[in-house]
PDB file of N, CA and C in Angstrom:
ATOM      1  N   MET A   1      59.332 -77.112-270.181  1.00  0.00           N
ATOM      2  CA  MET A   1      60.471 -76.350-270.435  1.00  0.00           C
ATOM      3  C   MET A   1      60.502 -74.933-269.493  1.00  0.00           C
ATOM      4  N   ALA A   2      59.709 -74.460-269.528  1.00  0.00           N
ATOM      5  CA  ALA A   2      59.825 -73.234-268.638  1.00  0.00           C
ATOM      6  C   ALA A   2      59.965 -73.710-266.708  1.00  0.00           C
ATOM      7  N   GLU A   3      59.087 -74.954-266.570  1.00  0.00           N
ATOM      8  CA  GLU A   3      59.061 -75.368-265.840  1.00  0.00           C
ATOM      9  C   GLU A   3      60.313 -75.382-264.809  1.00  0.00           C
ATOM     10  N   GLU A   4      61.411 -76.389-266.050  1.00  0.00           N
ATOM     11  CA  GLU A   4      62.931 -76.649-265.199  1.00  0.00           C
ATOM     12  C   GLU A   4      63.909 -75.025-265.275  1.00  0.00           C
ATOM     13  N   SER A   5      63.335 -74.470-265.530  1.00  0.00           N
ATOM     14  CA  SER A   5      64.052 -72.737-265.884  1.00  0.00           C
ATOM     15  C   SER A   5      63.647 -72.263-264.204  1.00  0.00           C
ATOM     16  N   GLN A   6      62.821 -72.647-263.157  1.00  0.00           N
ATOM     17  CA  GLN A   6      62.221 -71.928-262.303  1.00  0.00           C
ATOM     18  C   GLN A   6      62.651 -72.928-261.366  1.00  0.00           C
ATOM     19  N   ARG A   7      64.130 -73.451-260.960  1.00  0.00           N
ATOM     20  CA  ARG A   7      64.086 -74.323-260.203  1.00  0.00           C
ATOM     21  C   ARG A   7      64.867 -73.318-259.093  1.00  0.00           C
ATOM     22  N   THR A   8      64.368 -73.903-257.950  1.00  0.00           N
ATOM     23  CA  THR A   8      64.994 -73.196-256.796  1.00  0.00           C
ATOM     24  C   THR A   8      65.756 -73.942-256.314  1.00  0.00           C
ATOM     25  N   GLU A   9      66.622 -73.559-255.745  1.00  0.00           N
ATOM     26  CA  GLU A   9      67.631 -74.300-254.711  1.00  0.00           C
ATOM     27  C   GLU A   9      66.993 -74.386-253.783  1.00  0.00           C
ATOM     28  N   LEU A  10      67.020 -74.969-252.922  1.00  0.00           N
ATOM     29  CA  LEU A  10      66.869 -75.324-251.686  1.00  0.00           C
ATOM     30  C   LEU A  10      68.532 -75.219-250.330  1.00  0.00           C
ATOM     31  N   PRO A  11      68.331 -74.771-249.689  1.00  0.00           N
ATOM     32  CA  PRO A  11      69.380 -74.787-248.808  1.00  0.00           C
ATOM     33  C   PRO A  11      69.721 -75.749-248.406  1.00  0.00           C
ATOM     34  N   GLN A  12      71.552 -75.834-248.714  1.00  0.00           N
ATOM     35  CA  GLN A  12      71.381 -77.406-248.231  1.00  0.00           C
ATOM     36  C   GLN A  12      71.736 -77.212-246.483  1.00  0.00           C
ATOM     37  N   GLU A  13      71.223 -79.070-245.985  1.00  0.00           N
ATOM     38  CA  GLU A  13      71.317 -78.415-244.691  1.00  0.00           C
ATOM     39  C   GLU A  13      72.889 -78.786-244.111  1.00  0.00           C
ATOM     40  N   GLN A  14      73.410 -77.876-242.785  1.00  0.00           N
ATOM     41  CA  GLN A  14      73.917 -78.259-242.456  1.00  0.00           C
ATOM     42  C   GLN A  14      74.404 -79.385-241.382  1.00  0.00           C
ATOM     43  N   PRO A  15      75.444 -80.197-241.501  1.00  0.00           N
ATOM     44  CA  PRO A  15      75.784 -81.348-240.988  1.00  0.00           C
ATOM     45  C   PRO A  15      75.779 -81.150-239.108  1.00  0.00           C
ATOM     46  N   GLN A  16      74.950 -81.522-238.990  1.00  0.00           N
ATOM     47  CA  GLN A  16      74.839 -80.885-237.293  1.00  0.00           C
ATOM     48  C   GLN A  16      75.827 -81.490-236.609  1.00  0.00           C
ATOM     49  N   GLN A  17      76.140 -80.794-235.887  1.00  0.00           N
ATOM     50  CA  GLN A  17      77.389 -81.212-234.887  1.00  0.00           C
ATOM     51  C   GLN A  17      77.026 -81.707-233.620  1.00  0.00           C
ATOM     52  N   SER A  18      77.451 -83.246-232.990  1.00  0.00           N
ATOM     53  CA  SER A  18      77.115 -84.143-232.056  1.00  0.00           C
ATOM     54  C   SER A  18      78.218 -83.706-231.169  1.00  0.00           C
ATOM     55  N   THR A  19      77.356 -83.183-229.889  1.00  0.00           N
ATOM     56  CA  THR A  19      78.456 -83.370-228.941  1.00  0.00           C
ATOM     57  C   THR A  19      78.547 -85.101-227.756  1.00  0.00           C
ATOM     58  N   THR A  20      79.384 -85.086-227.610  1.00  0.00           N
ATOM     59  CA  THR A  20      79.187 -86.928-227.044  1.00  0.00           C
ATOM     60  C   THR A  20      80.362 -86.382-225.631  1.00  0.00           C
ATOM     61  N   ILE A  21      79.607 -87.148-224.940  1.00  0.00           N
ATOM     62  CA  ILE A  21      79.770 -86.767-223.935  1.00  0.00           C
ATOM     63  C   ILE A  21      80.591 -87.602-223.154  1.00  0.00           C
ATOM     64  N   PRO A  22      81.768 -87.894-222.794  1.00  0.00           N
ATOM     65  CA  PRO A  22      82.542 -88.976-222.369  1.00  0.00           C
ATOM     66  C   PRO A  22      82.310 -89.722-221.271  1.00  0.00           C
ATOM     67  N   GLN A  23      81.638 -91.189-221.505  1.00  0.00           N
ATOM     68  CA  GLN A  23      81.315 -92.019-220.518  1.00  0.00           C
ATOM     69  C   GLN A  23      82.814 -92.096-219.584  1.00  0.00           C
ATOM     70  N   GLU A  24      82.292 -92.005-218.179  1.00  0.00           N
ATOM     71  CA  GLU A  24      83.050 -92.378-217.543  1.00  0.00           C
ATOM     72  C   GLU A  24      83.008 -93.729-217.310  1.00  0.00           C
ATOM     73  N   GLN A  25      84.272 -94.307-216.916  1.00  0.00           N
ATOM     74  CA  GLN A  25      84.916 -95.826-216.576  1.00  0.00           C
ATOM     75  C   GLN A  25      84.286 -96.002-215.120  1.00  0.00           C
ATOM     76  N   PRO A  26      83.324 -97.345-215.447  1.00  0.00           N
ATOM     77  CA  PRO A  26      83.653 -97.576-213.945  1.00  0.00           C
ATOM     78  C   PRO A  26      84.404 -97.694-213.180  1.00  0.00           C
ATOM     79  N   HIS A  27      84.731 -97.285-211.836  1.00  0.00           N
ATOM     80  CA  HIS A  27      85.677 -97.121-210.878  1.00  0.00           C
ATOM     81  C   HIS A  27      85.922 -98.781-210.389  1.00  0.00           C
ATOM     82  N   GLN A  28      86.978 -99.234-210.668  1.00  0.00           N
ATOM     83  CA  GLN A  28      87.695-100.543-210.176  1.00  0.00           C
ATOM     84  C   GLN A  28      88.349-100.516-209.032  1.00  0.00           C
ATOM     85  N   SER A  29      87.820-101.217-207.847  1.00  0.00           N
ATOM     86  CA  SER A  29      88.708-101.524-206.540  1.00  0.00           C
ATOM     87  C   SER A  29      89.867-102.496-206.673  1.00  0.00           C
ATOM     88  N   THR A  30      90.778-102.611-205.848  1.00  0.00           N
ATOM     89  CA  THR A  30      91.361-103.332-206.088  1.00  0.00           C
ATOM     90  C   THR A  30      91.456-104.307-204.691  1.00  0.00           C
ATOM     91  N   ILE A  31      91.259-105.549-204.690  1.00  0.00           N
ATOM     92  CA  ILE A  31      91.504-106.067-203.081  1.00  0.00           C
ATOM     93  C   ILE A  31      92.634-107.213-202.887  1.00  0.00           C
ATOM     94  N   PHE A  32      93.455-106.610-201.518  1.00  0.00           N
ATOM     95  CA  PHE A  32      94.294-107.128-201.504  1.00  0.00           C
ATOM     96  C   PHE A  32      94.325-108.037-200.466  1.00  0.00           C
ATOM     97  N   LEU A  33      94.432-109.723-200.513  1.00  0.00           N
ATOM     98  CA  LEU A  33      94.893-110.789-199.529  1.00  0.00           C
ATOM     99  C   LEU A  33      95.696-110.412-198.614  1.00  0.00           C
ATOM    100  N   PRO A  34      95.596-110.706-197.390  1.00  0.00           N
ATOM    101  CA  PRO A  34      96.943-110.990-196.496  1.00  0.00           C
ATOM    102  C   PRO A  34      97.961-112.001-197.224  1.00  0.00           C
ATOM    103  N   GLY A  35      98.925-111.454-197.118  1.00  0.00           N
ATOM    104  CA  GLY A  35      99.734-112.619-197.718  1.00  0.00           C
ATOM    105  C   GLY A  35     100.172-112.078-199.175  1.00  0.00           C
ATOM    106  N   SER A  36      99.438-111.540-199.852  1.00  0.00           N
ATOM    107  CA  SER A  36      99.116-111.319-201.475  1.00  0.00           C
ATOM    108  C   SER A  36      99.847-110.061-202.087  1.00  0.00           C
ATOM    109  N   VAL A  37     100.492-109.455-200.957  1.00  0.00           N
ATOM    110  CA  VAL A  37     100.735-107.780-201.858  1.00  0.00           C
ATOM    111  C   VAL A  37     102.332-107.991-202.559  1.00  0.00           C
ATOM    112  N   GLY A  38     102.315-107.744-203.430  1.00  0.00           N
ATOM    113  CA  GLY A  38     103.976-107.751-203.720  1.00  0.00           C
ATOM    114  C   GLY A  38     104.475-109.400-204.307  1.00  0.00           C
ATOM    115  N   HIS A  39     103.104-110.103-204.900  1.00  0.00           N
ATOM    116  CA  HIS A  39     103.728-111.103-205.130  1.00  0.00           C
ATOM    117  C   HIS A  39     104.646-111.130-206.485  1.00  0.00           C
ATOM    118  N   PRO A  40     105.590-111.480-206.599  1.00  0.00           N
ATOM    119  CA  PRO A  40     106.752-111.506-207.897  1.00  0.00           C
ATOM    120  C   PRO A  40     105.607-112.006-209.519  1.00  0.00           C
ATOM    121  N   SER A  41     104.332-112.459-209.072  1.00  0.00           N
ATOM    122  CA  SER A  41     104.082-112.643-210.717  1.00  0.00           C
ATOM    123  C   SER A  41     103.234-110.794-210.903  1.00  0.00           C
ATOM    124  N   GLY A  42     102.943-110.599-210.268  1.00  0.00           N
ATOM    125  CA  GLY A  42     101.998-109.181-210.451  1.00  0.00           C
ATOM    126  C   GLY A  42     100.651-109.073-210.501  1.00  0.00           C
ATOM    127  N   VAL A  43     100.216-110.615-209.998  1.00  0.00           N
ATOM    128  CA  VAL A  43      98.834-111.202-209.871  1.00  0.00           C
ATOM    129  C   VAL A  43      98.538-111.700-208.606  1.00  0.00           C
ATOM    130  N   GLU A  44      97.713-110.633-207.974  1.00  0.00           N
ATOM    131  CA  GLU A  44      97.096-110.721-206.084  1.00  0.00           C
ATOM    132  C   GLU A  44      96.839-112.113-206.337  1.00  0.00           C
ATOM    133  N   VAL A  45      96.964-112.834-205.605  1.00  0.00           N
ATOM    134  CA  VAL A  45      96.800-114.120-205.415  1.00  0.00           C
ATOM    135  C   VAL A  45      96.874-114.609-203.541  1.00  0.00           C
ATOM    136  N   ALA A  46      96.210-115.445-203.027  1.00  0.00           N
ATOM    137  CA  ALA A  46      95.154-115.824-202.018  1.00  0.00           C
ATOM    138  C   ALA A  46      96.687-116.829-200.968  1.00  0.00           C
ATOM    139  N   PRO A  47      96.892-116.660-200.026  1.00  0.00           N
ATOM    140  CA  PRO A  47      98.382-117.191-198.941  1.00  0.00           C
ATOM    141  C   PRO A  47      97.840-118.351-199.453  1.00  0.00           C
ATOM    142  N   LYS A  48      98.936-119.321-199.837  1.00  0.00           N
ATOM    143  CA  LYS A  48      99.005-120.768-199.270  1.00  0.00           C
ATOM    144  C   LYS A  48      98.266-120.643-197.690  1.00  0.00           C
ATOM    145  N   THR A  49      97.509-122.254-197.799  1.00  0.00           N
ATOM    146  CA  THR A  49      97.115-123.008-196.595  1.00  0.00           C
ATOM    147  C   THR A  49      97.692-124.316-196.594  1.00  0.00           C
ATOM    148  N   THR A  50      98.300-124.774-197.332  1.00  0.00           N
ATOM    149  CA  THR A  50      98.799-126.372-197.798  1.00  0.00           C
ATOM    150  C   THR A  50      99.314-126.249-198.931  1.00  0.00           C
ATOM    151  N   TRP A  51     100.465-127.575-198.556  1.00  0.00           N
ATOM    152  CA  TRP A  51     101.298-128.203-199.910  1.00  0.00           C
ATOM    153  C   TRP A  51     101.753-129.386-199.594  1.00  0.00           C
ATOM    154  N   PRO A  52     100.656-129.671-200.688  1.00  0.00           N
ATOM    155  CA  PRO A  52     100.967-130.968-201.439  1.00  0.00           C
ATOM    156  C   PRO A  52     101.804-131.217-202.415  1.00  0.00           C
ATOM    157  N   GLU A  53     102.721-130.751-202.587  1.00  0.00           N
ATOM    158  CA  GLU A  53     104.151-130.915-203.479  1.00  0.00           C
ATOM    159  C   GLU A  53     105.240-131.564-203.261  1.00  0.00           C
ATOM    160  N   VAL A  54     105.115-131.171-201.236  1.00  0.00           N
ATOM    161  CA  VAL A  54     106.210-131.891-200.357  1.00  0.00           C
ATOM    162  C   VAL A  54     106.302-132.765-199.794  1.00  0.00           C
ATOM    163  N   VAL A  55     104.896-133.639-200.298  1.00  0.00           N
ATOM    164  CA  VAL A  55     105.084-135.115-200.060  1.00  0.00           C
ATOM    165  C   VAL A  55     106.055-135.871-200.127  1.00  0.00           C
ATOM    166  N   GLY A  56     106.459-136.997-199.558  1.00  0.00           N
ATOM    167  CA  GLY A  56     107.641-137.214-200.300  1.00  0.00           C
ATOM    168  C   GLY A  56     109.014-136.790-200.224  1.00  0.00           C
ATOM    169  N   MET A  57     108.980-135.496-199.556  1.00  0.00           N
ATOM    170  CA  MET A  57     110.143-134.983-199.116  1.00  0.00           C
ATOM    171  C   MET A  57     110.791-135.592-198.058  1.00  0.00           C
ATOM    172  N   THR A  58     111.683-134.971-197.339  1.00  0.00           N
ATOM    173  CA  THR A  58     112.586-135.182-196.192  1.00  0.00           C
ATOM    174  C   THR A  58     111.908-133.843-195.548  1.00  0.00           C
ATOM    175  N   VAL A  59     112.406-133.906-194.133  1.00  0.00           N
ATOM    176  CA  VAL A  59     111.918-132.857-192.725  1.00  0.00           C
ATOM    177  C   VAL A  59     112.316-131.462-193.560  1.00  0.00           C
ATOM    178  N   GLU A  60     113.870-131.397-193.710  1.00  0.00           N
ATOM    179  CA  GLU A  60     114.213-130.296-194.077  1.00  0.00           C
ATOM    180  C   GLU A  60     113.809-129.958-195.164  1.00  0.00           C
ATOM    181  N   GLU A  61     113.404-130.556-196.327  1.00  0.00           N
ATOM    182  CA  GLU A  61     113.063-130.063-197.867  1.00  0.00           C
ATOM    183  C   GLU A  61     111.792-129.166-197.896  1.00  0.00           C
ATOM    184  N   ALA A  62     110.994-130.271-196.819  1.00  0.00           N
ATOM    185  CA  ALA A  62     110.081-129.378-196.680  1.00  0.00           C
ATOM    186  C   ALA A  62     110.012-128.234-196.324  1.00  0.00           C
ATOM    187  N   GLU A  63     110.427-128.150-194.991  1.00  0.00           N
ATOM    188  CA  GLU A  63     110.703-126.792-194.617  1.00  0.00           C
ATOM    189  C   GLU A  63     111.422-125.627-195.152  1.00  0.00           C
ATOM    190  N   ARG A  64     112.020-125.771-195.625  1.00  0.00           N
ATOM    191  CA  ARG A  64     112.639-125.066-196.671  1.00  0.00           C
ATOM    192  C   ARG A  64     111.593-124.131-197.405  1.00  0.00           C
ATOM    193  N   LYS A  65     110.894-125.175-198.630  1.00  0.00           N
ATOM    194  CA  LYS A  65     109.992-125.246-199.168  1.00  0.00           C
ATOM    195  C   LYS A  65     108.883-124.355-198.926  1.00  0.00           C
ATOM    196  N   ILE A  66     108.553-124.436-197.769  1.00  0.00           N
ATOM    197  CA  ILE A  66     107.223-124.192-197.134  1.00  0.00           C
ATOM    198  C   ILE A  66     107.806-122.541-196.551  1.00  0.00           C
ATOM    199  N   ARG A  67     108.763-122.141-196.167  1.00  0.00           N
ATOM    200  CA  ARG A  67     109.322-120.920-195.095  1.00  0.00           C
ATOM    201  C   ARG A  67     108.986-119.964-196.900  1.00  0.00           C
ATOM    202  N   GLU A  68     109.402-120.491-197.929  1.00  0.00           N
ATOM    203  CA  GLU A  68     109.706-119.649-199.240  1.00  0.00           C
ATOM    204  C   GLU A  68     108.165-118.728-199.203  1.00  0.00           C
ATOM    205  N   ASP A  69     107.291-119.517-198.656  1.00  0.00           N
ATOM    206  CA  ASP A  69     105.379-119.163-198.704  1.00  0.00           C
ATOM    207  C   ASP A  69     105.312-118.409-197.445  1.00  0.00           C
ATOM    208  N   MET A  70     106.087-118.509-196.259  1.00  0.00           N
ATOM    209  CA  MET A  70     105.263-118.498-194.791  1.00  0.00           C
ATOM    210  C   MET A  70     107.023-118.245-193.886  1.00  0.00           C
ATOM    211  N   PRO A  71     107.271-117.156-194.213  1.00  0.00           N
ATOM    212  CA  PRO A  71     108.608-117.190-193.111  1.00  0.00           C
ATOM    213  C   PRO A  71     108.767-117.308-192.106  1.00  0.00           C
ATOM    214  N   ARG A  72     107.495-117.001-191.239  1.00  0.00           N
ATOM    215  CA  ARG A  72     107.564-117.046-189.471  1.00  0.00           C
ATOM    216  C   ARG A  72     106.669-117.942-189.196  1.00  0.00           C
ATOM    217  N   VAL A  73     106.747-118.896-190.108  1.00  0.00           N
ATOM    218  CA  VAL A  73     105.927-120.560-189.572  1.00  0.00           C
ATOM    219  C   VAL A  73     106.797-121.318-188.369  1.00  0.00           C
ATOM    220  N   GLN A  74     106.089-121.996-187.926  1.00  0.00           N
ATOM    221  CA  GLN A  74     106.360-122.657-186.648  1.00  0.00           C
ATOM    222  C   GLN A  74     105.798-124.356-187.191  1.00  0.00           C
ATOM    223  N   PHE A  75     107.179-125.075-187.066  1.00  0.00           N
ATOM    224  CA  PHE A  75     106.718-126.306-187.454  1.00  0.00           C
ATOM    225  C   PHE A  75     106.612-127.341-186.120  1.00  0.00           C
ATOM    226  N   GLN A  76     106.116-128.456-186.611  1.00  0.00           N
ATOM    227  CA  GLN A  76     105.346-129.486-185.701  1.00  0.00           C
ATOM    228  C   GLN A  76     105.651-130.863-186.676  1.00  0.00           C
ATOM    229  N   VAL A  77     107.046-131.454-186.376  1.00  0.00           N
ATOM    230  CA  VAL A  77     107.381-133.023-186.467  1.00  0.00           C
ATOM    231  C   VAL A  77     106.273-133.628-185.850  1.00  0.00           C
ATOM    232  N   VAL A  78     105.657-134.306-186.539  1.00  0.00           N
ATOM    233  CA  VAL A  78     104.597-135.597-186.108  1.00  0.00           C
ATOM    234  C   VAL A  78     104.811-136.890-186.526  1.00  0.00           C
ATOM    235  N   PRO A  79     105.622-137.737-185.350  1.00  0.00           N
ATOM    236  CA  PRO A  79     105.737-138.928-186.248  1.00  0.00           C
ATOM    237  C   PRO A  79     104.754-140.133-186.534  1.00  0.00           C
ATOM    238  N   PRO A  80     104.848-140.938-186.757  1.00  0.00           N
ATOM    239  CA  PRO A  80     103.927-142.001-187.354  1.00  0.00           C
ATOM    240  C   PRO A  80     103.303-142.449-185.777  1.00  0.00           C
ATOM    241  N   ASN A  81     101.629-142.337-185.863  1.00  0.00           N
ATOM    242  CA  ASN A  81     101.115-143.110-184.656  1.00  0.00           C
ATOM    243  C   ASN A  81     101.066-142.207-183.332  1.00  0.00           C
ATOM    244  N   CYS A  82     100.762-141.173-183.194  1.00  0.00           N
ATOM    245  CA  CYS A  82     101.273-139.825-182.631  1.00  0.00           C
ATOM    246  C   CYS A  82     100.066-139.338-182.489  1.00  0.00           C
ATOM    247  N   PHE A  83      99.276-138.925-181.951  1.00  0.00           N
ATOM    248  CA  PHE A  83      98.086-137.679-181.357  1.00  0.00           C
ATOM    249  C   PHE A  83      98.935-136.124-181.735  1.00  0.00           C
ATOM    250  N   VAL A  84      97.768-135.665-181.908  1.00  0.00           N
ATOM    251  CA  VAL A  84      98.001-134.147-181.518  1.00  0.00           C
ATOM    252  C   VAL A  84      97.218-133.764-181.029  1.00  0.00           C
ATOM    253  N   THR A  85      97.122-132.471-180.773  1.00  0.00           N
ATOM    254  CA  THR A  85      95.701-131.482-179.930  1.00  0.00           C
ATOM    255  C   THR A  85      95.202-130.338-180.960  1.00  0.00           C
ATOM    256  N   MET A  86      93.817-130.544-180.587  1.00  0.00           N
ATOM    257  CA  MET A  86      93.081-129.810-181.186  1.00  0.00           C
ATOM    258  C   MET A  86      92.908-128.397-182.114  1.00  0.00           C
ATOM    259  N   ASP A  87      94.044-127.556-181.069  1.00  0.00           N
ATOM    260  CA  ASP A  87      93.896-126.210-180.927  1.00  0.00           C
ATOM    261  C   ASP A  87      94.289-126.167-182.768  1.00  0.00           C
ATOM    262  N   PHE A  88      94.124-124.489-183.215  1.00  0.00           N
ATOM    263  CA  PHE A  88      94.356-123.844-184.196  1.00  0.00           C
ATOM    264  C   PHE A  88      94.742-122.787-184.214  1.00  0.00           C
ATOM    265  N   ASN A  89      96.062-123.213-184.766  1.00  0.00           N
ATOM    266  CA  ASN A  89      97.157-122.015-184.750  1.00  0.00           C
ATOM    267  C   ASN A  89      98.016-121.389-186.510  1.00  0.00           C
ATOM    268  N   THR A  90      97.488-120.199-186.372  1.00  0.00           N
ATOM    269  CA  THR A  90      97.757-119.616-187.947  1.00  0.00           C
ATOM    270  C   THR A  90      99.292-119.733-188.143  1.00  0.00           C
ATOM    271  N   ARG A  91      99.940-120.105-187.011  1.00  0.00           N
ATOM    272  CA  ARG A  91     101.741-119.865-187.838  1.00  0.00           C
ATOM    273  C   ARG A  91     102.221-121.653-187.582  1.00  0.00           C
ATOM    274  N   ARG A  92     101.268-122.373-187.502  1.00  0.00           N
ATOM    275  CA  ARG A  92     102.283-123.430-187.153  1.00  0.00           C
ATOM    276  C   ARG A  92     101.325-124.665-188.690  1.00  0.00           C
ATOM    277  N   VAL A  93     102.537-125.317-188.975  1.00  0.00           N
ATOM    278  CA  VAL A  93     102.378-126.213-189.896  1.00  0.00           C
ATOM    279  C   VAL A  93     102.597-127.759-189.431  1.00  0.00           C
ATOM    280  N   ARG A  94     102.311-128.672-189.091  1.00  0.00           N
ATOM    281  CA  ARG A  94     102.773-129.721-188.679  1.00  0.00           C
ATOM    282  C   ARG A  94     102.979-130.564-190.092  1.00  0.00           C
ATOM    283  N   LEU A  95     103.976-131.309-189.552  1.00  0.00           N
ATOM    284  CA  LEU A  95     104.745-132.442-190.974  1.00  0.00           C
ATOM    285  C   LEU A  95     104.688-133.589-190.242  1.00  0.00           C
ATOM    286  N   TYR A  96     103.601-134.454-191.311  1.00  0.00           N
ATOM    287  CA  TYR A  96     103.206-135.691-190.481  1.00  0.00           C
ATOM    288  C   TYR A  96     104.226-136.370-191.109  1.00  0.00           C
ATOM    289  N   VAL A  97     105.232-137.561-190.589  1.00  0.00           N
ATOM    290  CA  VAL A  97     106.334-138.390-191.464  1.00  0.00           C
ATOM    291  C   VAL A  97     105.727-139.840-191.463  1.00  0.00           C
ATOM    292  N   ASP A  98     106.768-140.532-192.022  1.00  0.00           N
ATOM    293  CA  ASP A  98     106.333-141.769-191.625  1.00  0.00           C
ATOM    294  C   ASP A  98     107.550-141.931-191.098  1.00  0.00           C
ATOM    295  N   SER A  99     107.809-143.627-190.936  1.00  0.00           N
ATOM    296  CA  SER A  99     109.005-144.288-190.589  1.00  0.00           C
ATOM    297  C   SER A  99     110.489-143.977-190.870  1.00  0.00           C
ATOM    298  N   GLU A 100     110.431-143.535-192.124  1.00  0.00           N
ATOM    299  CA  GLU A 100     111.455-143.046-192.915  1.00  0.00           C
ATOM    300  C   GLU A 100     111.964-141.698-192.568  1.00  0.00           C
ATOM    301  N   GLY A 101     110.933-140.998-192.239  1.00  0.00           N
ATOM    302  CA  GLY A 101     111.435-139.578-191.845  1.00  0.00           C
ATOM    303  C   GLY A 101     110.944-138.368-192.706  1.00  0.00           C
ATOM    304  N   LYS A 102     110.286-139.070-193.931  1.00  0.00           N
ATOM    305  CA  LYS A 102     109.901-138.603-195.305  1.00  0.00           C
ATOM    306  C   LYS A 102     108.115-138.254-195.259  1.00  0.00           C
ATOM    307  N   VAL A 103     108.040-136.873-195.436  1.00  0.00           N
ATOM    308  CA  VAL A 103     106.377-136.210-194.878  1.00  0.00           C
ATOM    309  C   VAL A 103     105.426-137.158-195.755  1.00  0.00           C
ATOM    310  N   SER A 104     104.569-137.014-195.291  1.00  0.00           N
ATOM    311  CA  SER A 104     103.572-138.545-195.676  1.00  0.00           C
ATOM    312  C   SER A 104     102.162-138.443-196.138  1.00  0.00           C
ATOM    313  N   ARG A 105     101.971-136.621-195.224  1.00  0.00           N
ATOM    314  CA  ARG A 105     100.507-136.038-196.122  1.00  0.00           C
ATOM    315  C   ARG A 105     100.582-134.648-196.478  1.00  0.00           C
ATOM    316  N   ALA A 106      99.766-134.235-196.739  1.00  0.00           N
ATOM    317  CA  ALA A 106     100.360-132.519-197.286  1.00  0.00           C
ATOM    318  C   ALA A 106     100.488-131.551-195.833  1.00  0.00           C
ATOM    319  N   PRO A 107     101.076-131.177-195.717  1.00  0.00           N
ATOM    320  CA  PRO A 107     101.011-130.215-194.748  1.00  0.00           C
ATOM    321  C   PRO A 107      99.841-129.100-194.715  1.00  0.00           C
ATOM    322  N   ARG A 108      99.575-128.638-194.087  1.00  0.00           N
ATOM    323  CA  ARG A 108      98.600-127.671-193.785  1.00  0.00           C
ATOM    324  C   ARG A 108      98.811-126.608-192.248  1.00  0.00           C
ATOM    325  N   ILE A 109      98.549-125.249-192.626  1.00  0.00           N
ATOM    326  CA  ILE A 109      98.186-124.507-191.611  1.00  0.00           C
ATOM    327  C   ILE A 109      97.457-124.983-190.376  1.00  0.00           C
ATOM    328  N   GLY A 110      97.998-125.212-189.110  1.00  0.00           N
ATOM    329  CA  GLY A 110      96.664-125.399-188.057  1.00  0.00           C
ATOM    330  C   GLY A 110      97.461-126.137-187.866  1.00  0.00           C
TER     331      GLY A 110
END
């Protein structure tokens, strides 16, 4: 019992204060593609280069639809069995039409 009465209390350890250094967030850069800034969906997208959804439409309907995506486009309507030049023009879209005047191939820039 003598040993029990001689108990000495050890000093309690003070909780260590941890210093946390805030981690910096990695820098995220946004890449803007031509024709994609201000897209209504808020998502940056690449500009359209082909319009398969207009196949089967009349020339007027196809032109209206394509102008929504590319307002300053120049159209070239290509009748059946006609030749075209091989030059590439970024402002031109060729509309290949069938004998009824409907778009027969997916139009694309060029």
